[in-house]
Amino acid sequence: MQWHQAEDEGSSRAAAARQAIDTARERRARLIDAYVYQSALPETDYRERLVLLDREILEAEEHLATADAPALGDLGGLLDYAENLVTRADESWRGLEPDLQRRFQHLVFPRGIAFDPANGFGASDTCLLFSDFEPPNGGGEGMVSPTGFEPVFPP
């Protein structure tokens, strides 16, 4: 199953859960009206039905809370999507709507991109997710000098 299909199914489940909540709340309101204003049923029946409707609403709200969660049945596909997002961030960015592009930029560059006339553009920080792709700090500090052949270079 593709990611967008799982997202569509989650949206459909969420819409069904919202409809079930609305329907149960309407039935609850009619039950209260029938009991309070019309005296159409005894108190014991009213309380039993009220408990059942409250339980139905609670279950529908629980379904709604989990309906939009992505289905992890295709974990391999999800991991492939994440890998593609990280390794091809530029292509991912180009495929987004302008509002999502700004959000994606903020994710990758939390402090924005600075401009220095001497050095050009640069980012002071990047997202921790992209830290493995950055060169190590220090420009060679901590490197071991090669030994065994002349000349020996200082560290």
C-alpha atoms as a PDB file:
ATOM      1  CA  MET A   1       0.000   0.000   0.000  1.00  0.00           C
ATOM      2  CA  GLN A   2       1.354   3.407  -0.933  1.00  0.00           C
ATOM      3  CA  TRP A   3       1.661   6.197   1.629  1.00  0.00           C
ATOM      4  CA  HIS A   4      -1.004   8.407  -0.001  1.00  0.00           C
ATOM      5  CA  GLN A   5      -3.460   5.503  -0.097  1.00  0.00           C
ATOM      6  CA  ALA A   6      -2.971   4.890   3.633  1.00  0.00           C
ATOM      7  CA  GLU A   7      -3.471   8.604   4.233  1.00  0.00           C
ATOM      8  CA  ASP A   8      -6.717   8.568   2.198  1.00  0.00           C
ATOM      9  CA  GLU A   9      -7.980   5.541   4.138  1.00  0.00           C
ATOM     10  CA  GLY A  10      -7.119   7.310   7.407  1.00  0.00           C
ATOM     11  CA  SER A  11      -9.096  10.359   6.278  1.00  0.00           C
ATOM     12  CA  SER A  12     -12.058   8.134   5.380  1.00  0.00           C
ATOM     13  CA  ARG A  13     -11.919   6.424   8.789  1.00  0.00           C
ATOM     14  CA  ALA A  14     -11.740   9.833  10.475  1.00  0.00           C
ATOM     15  CA  ALA A  15     -14.781  11.098   8.545  1.00  0.00           C
ATOM     16  CA  ALA A  16     -16.740   7.961   9.480  1.00  0.00           C
ATOM     17  CA  ALA A  17     -15.769   8.374  13.141  1.00  0.00           C
ATOM     18  CA  ARG A  18     -16.835  12.051  13.110  1.00  0.00           C
ATOM     19  CA  GLN A  19     -20.175  11.064  11.576  1.00  0.00           C
ATOM     20  CA  ALA A  20     -20.670   8.383  14.245  1.00  0.00           C
ATOM     21  CA  ILE A  21     -19.898  10.925  16.984  1.00  0.00           C
ATOM     22  CA  ASP A  22     -22.353  13.462  15.542  1.00  0.00           C
ATOM     23  CA  THR A  23     -25.084  10.832  15.170  1.00  0.00           C
ATOM     24  CA  ALA A  24     -24.613   9.534  18.728  1.00  0.00           C
ATOM     25  CA  ARG A  25     -24.623  13.082  20.133  1.00  0.00           C
ATOM     26  CA  GLU A  26     -27.862  13.862  18.279  1.00  0.00           C
ATOM     27  CA  ARG A  27     -29.445  10.685  19.639  1.00  0.00           C
ATOM     28  CA  ARG A  28     -28.232  11.612  23.138  1.00  0.00           C
ATOM     29  CA  ALA A  29     -29.777  15.079  22.824  1.00  0.00           C
ATOM     30  CA  ARG A  30     -33.106  13.564  21.657  1.00  0.00           C
ATOM     31  CA  LEU A  31     -33.019  11.108  24.571  1.00  0.00           C
ATOM     32  CA  ILE A  32     -32.529  13.954  27.053  1.00  0.00           C
ATOM     33  CA  ASP A  33     -35.345  15.946  25.418  1.00  0.00           C
ATOM     34  CA  ALA A  34     -37.673  12.924  25.542  1.00  0.00           C
ATOM     35  CA  TYR A  35     -36.941  12.389  29.228  1.00  0.00           C
ATOM     36  CA  VAL A  36     -36.810  15.981  30.477  1.00  0.00           C
ATOM     37  CA  TYR A  37     -39.430  17.756  28.360  1.00  0.00           C
ATOM     38  CA  GLN A  38     -41.798  15.004  27.248  1.00  0.00           C
ATOM     39  CA  SER A  39     -41.566  12.540  30.149  1.00  0.00           C
ATOM     40  CA  ALA A  40     -41.716   9.835  27.487  1.00  0.00           C
ATOM     41  CA  LEU A  41     -39.722   7.163  29.372  1.00  0.00           C
ATOM     42  CA  PRO A  42     -39.025   6.076  32.938  1.00  0.00           C
ATOM     43  CA  GLU A  43     -35.872   7.227  34.708  1.00  0.00           C
ATOM     44  CA  THR A  44     -34.263   3.745  34.740  1.00  0.00           C
ATOM     45  CA  ASP A  45     -34.654   3.393  30.968  1.00  0.00           C
ATOM     46  CA  TYR A  46     -33.335   6.930  30.494  1.00  0.00           C
ATOM     47  CA  ARG A  47     -30.207   6.266  32.586  1.00  0.00           C
ATOM     48  CA  GLU A  48     -29.474   2.937  30.867  1.00  0.00           C
ATOM     49  CA  ARG A  49     -29.777   4.454  27.398  1.00  0.00           C
ATOM     50  CA  LEU A  50     -27.738   7.479  28.430  1.00  0.00           C
ATOM     51  CA  VAL A  51     -24.905   5.219  29.624  1.00  0.00           C
ATOM     52  CA  LEU A  52     -25.009   3.261  26.342  1.00  0.00           C
ATOM     53  CA  LEU A  53     -24.927   6.443  24.253  1.00  0.00           C
ATOM     54  CA  ASP A  54     -22.075   7.912  26.308  1.00  0.00           C
ATOM     55  CA  ARG A  55     -20.116   4.681  25.783  1.00  0.00           C
ATOM     56  CA  GLU A  56     -20.858   4.813  22.049  1.00  0.00           C
ATOM     57  CA  ILE A  57     -19.618   8.419  21.863  1.00  0.00           C
ATOM     58  CA  LEU A  58     -16.470   7.546  23.806  1.00  0.00           C
ATOM     59  CA  GLU A  59     -15.684   4.598  21.500  1.00  0.00           C
ATOM     60  CA  ALA A  60     -16.233   6.742  18.400  1.00  0.00           C
ATOM     61  CA  GLU A  61     -13.929   9.440  19.833  1.00  0.00           C
ATOM     62  CA  GLU A  62     -11.259   6.780  20.440  1.00  0.00           C
ATOM     63  CA  HIS A  63     -11.617   5.628  16.816  1.00  0.00           C
ATOM     64  CA  LEU A  64     -11.272   9.237  15.682  1.00  0.00           C
ATOM     65  CA  ALA A  65      -8.095   9.670  17.734  1.00  0.00           C
ATOM     66  CA  THR A  66      -6.453   6.727  15.968  1.00  0.00           C
ATOM     67  CA  ALA A  67      -8.049   7.105  12.522  1.00  0.00           C
ATOM     68  CA  ASP A  68      -5.507   9.590  11.182  1.00  0.00           C
ATOM     69  CA  ALA A  69      -2.505   7.620  12.455  1.00  0.00           C
ATOM     70  CA  PRO A  70      -0.550   6.139   9.563  1.00  0.00           C
ATOM     71  CA  ALA A  71      -0.955   2.447   8.958  1.00  0.00           C
ATOM     72  CA  LEU A  72       2.407   0.831   9.601  1.00  0.00           C
ATOM     73  CA  GLY A  73       1.608  -2.320   7.673  1.00  0.00           C
ATOM     74  CA  ASP A  74       4.058  -1.311   4.947  1.00  0.00           C
ATOM     75  CA  LEU A  75       6.965  -0.416   7.197  1.00  0.00           C
ATOM     76  CA  GLY A  76       9.464  -1.035   4.399  1.00  0.00           C
ATOM     77  CA  GLY A  77       7.679   1.477   2.181  1.00  0.00           C
ATOM     78  CA  LEU A  78       7.579   3.975   5.013  1.00  0.00           C
ATOM     79  CA  LEU A  79      11.320   3.577   5.603  1.00  0.00           C
ATOM     80  CA  ASP A  80      12.010   3.947   1.868  1.00  0.00           C
ATOM     81  CA  TYR A  81       9.963   7.152   1.878  1.00  0.00           C
ATOM     82  CA  ALA A  82      11.912   8.500   4.880  1.00  0.00           C
ATOM     83  CA  GLU A  83      15.263   7.580   3.311  1.00  0.00           C
ATOM     84  CA  ASN A  84      14.274   9.298   0.077  1.00  0.00           C
ATOM     85  CA  LEU A  85      13.152  12.372   2.003  1.00  0.00           C
ATOM     86  CA  VAL A  86      16.510  12.641   3.794  1.00  0.00           C
ATOM     87  CA  THR A  87      18.855  11.755   0.939  1.00  0.00           C
ATOM     88  CA  ARG A  88      16.996  13.807  -1.657  1.00  0.00           C
ATOM     89  CA  ALA A  89      15.797  16.733   0.417  1.00  0.00           C
ATOM     90  CA  ASP A  90      16.162  19.124  -2.525  1.00  0.00           C
ATOM     91  CA  GLU A  91      13.822  17.054  -4.700  1.00  0.00           C
ATOM     92  CA  SER A  92      11.394  16.622  -1.806  1.00  0.00           C
ATOM     93  CA  TRP A  93      11.380  20.399  -1.259  1.00  0.00           C
ATOM     94  CA  ARG A  94      10.685  21.101  -4.944  1.00  0.00           C
ATOM     95  CA  GLY A  95       7.663  18.787  -4.866  1.00  0.00           C
ATOM     96  CA  LEU A  96       5.935  20.685  -2.039  1.00  0.00           C
ATOM     97  CA  GLU A  97       3.426  23.514  -2.074  1.00  0.00           C
ATOM     98  CA  PRO A  98       4.925  26.930  -1.137  1.00  0.00           C
ATOM     99  CA  ASP A  99       3.543  26.866   2.415  1.00  0.00           C
ATOM    100  CA  LEU A 100       4.933  23.381   2.991  1.00  0.00           C
ATOM    101  CA  GLN A 101       8.251  24.426   1.445  1.00  0.00           C
ATOM    102  CA  ARG A 102       8.643  27.079   4.176  1.00  0.00           C
ATOM    103  CA  ARG A 103       7.806  24.538   6.866  1.00  0.00           C
ATOM    104  CA  PHE A 104      10.257  22.042   5.366  1.00  0.00           C
ATOM    105  CA  GLN A 105      12.982  24.737   5.256  1.00  0.00           C
ATOM    106  CA  HIS A 106      12.348  25.487   8.917  1.00  0.00           C
ATOM    107  CA  LEU A 107      12.686  21.773   9.683  1.00  0.00           C
ATOM    108  CA  VAL A 108      16.018  21.488   7.861  1.00  0.00           C
ATOM    109  CA  PHE A 109      17.395  24.904   8.887  1.00  0.00           C
ATOM    110  CA  PRO A 110      15.829  25.756  12.289  1.00  0.00           C
ATOM    111  CA  ARG A 111      17.715  29.073  12.574  1.00  0.00           C
ATOM    112  CA  GLY A 112      17.379  30.005   8.936  1.00  0.00           C
ATOM    113  CA  ILE A 113      20.065  30.659   6.330  1.00  0.00           C
ATOM    114  CA  ALA A 114      22.531  33.493   6.870  1.00  0.00           C
ATOM    115  CA  PHE A 115      24.387  35.533   4.279  1.00  0.00           C
ATOM    116  CA  ASP A 116      27.949  36.767   4.807  1.00  0.00           C
ATOM    117  CA  PRO A 117      29.427  38.859   1.962  1.00  0.00           C
ATOM    118  CA  ALA A 118      32.838  37.248   2.477  1.00  0.00           C
ATOM    119  CA  ASN A 119      31.646  33.641   2.688  1.00  0.00           C
ATOM    120  CA  GLY A 120      28.274  33.682   0.904  1.00  0.00           C
ATOM    121  CA  PHE A 121      25.253  31.756   2.102  1.00  0.00           C
ATOM    122  CA  GLY A 122      25.385  29.284   4.966  1.00  0.00           C
ATOM    123  CA  ALA A 123      23.408  27.804   7.808  1.00  0.00           C
ATOM    124  CA  SER A 124      24.558  27.928  11.400  1.00  0.00           C
ATOM    125  CA  ASP A 125      22.556  24.862  12.329  1.00  0.00           C
ATOM    126  CA  THR A 126      20.776  22.087  10.524  1.00  0.00           C
ATOM    127  CA  CYS A 127      18.263  19.600  11.760  1.00  0.00           C
ATOM    128  CA  LEU A 128      19.731  16.738  13.796  1.00  0.00           C
ATOM    129  CA  LEU A 129      18.386  14.390  11.125  1.00  0.00           C
ATOM    130  CA  PHE A 130      20.879  15.842   8.618  1.00  0.00           C
ATOM    131  CA  SER A 131      23.865  16.035  10.968  1.00  0.00           C
ATOM    132  CA  ASP A 132      25.386  12.822   9.549  1.00  0.00           C
ATOM    133  CA  PHE A 133      25.757  14.539   6.186  1.00  0.00           C
ATOM    134  CA  GLU A 134      27.832  17.452   7.488  1.00  0.00           C
ATOM    135  CA  PRO A 135      31.627  17.423   7.377  1.00  0.00           C
ATOM    136  CA  PRO A 136      33.265  17.033  10.786  1.00  0.00           C
ATOM    137  CA  ASN A 137      34.064  20.271  12.578  1.00  0.00           C
ATOM    138  CA  GLY A 138      37.643  21.386  13.044  1.00  0.00           C
ATOM    139  CA  GLY A 139      39.025  20.894   9.541  1.00  0.00           C
ATOM    140  CA  GLY A 140      41.293  17.976  10.353  1.00  0.00           C
ATOM    141  CA  GLU A 141      41.699  18.318  14.096  1.00  0.00           C
ATOM    142  CA  GLY A 142      41.957  14.948  15.695  1.00  0.00           C
ATOM    143  CA  MET A 143      43.401  13.402  12.540  1.00  0.00           C
ATOM    144  CA  VAL A 144      46.339  11.052  12.948  1.00  0.00           C
ATOM    145  CA  SER A 145      49.583  11.799  11.097  1.00  0.00           C
ATOM    146  CA  PRO A 146      50.675   9.097   8.678  1.00  0.00           C
ATOM    147  CA  THR A 147      53.887   7.429   9.807  1.00  0.00           C
ATOM    148  CA  GLY A 148      56.350   4.997   8.292  1.00  0.00           C
ATOM    149  CA  PHE A 149      57.430   6.996   5.255  1.00  0.00           C
ATOM    150  CA  GLU A 150      59.313  10.253   5.040  1.00  0.00           C
ATOM    151  CA  PRO A 151      58.260  13.020   5.524  1.00  0.00           C
ATOM    152  CA  VAL A 152      56.251  12.745   8.751  1.00  0.00           C
ATOM    153  CA  PHE A 153      53.565  15.384   8.878  1.00  0.00           C
ATOM    154  CA  PRO A 154      52.755  17.149  12.143  1.00  0.00           C
ATOM    155  CA  PRO A 155      49.257  16.597  13.479  1.00  0.00           C
END
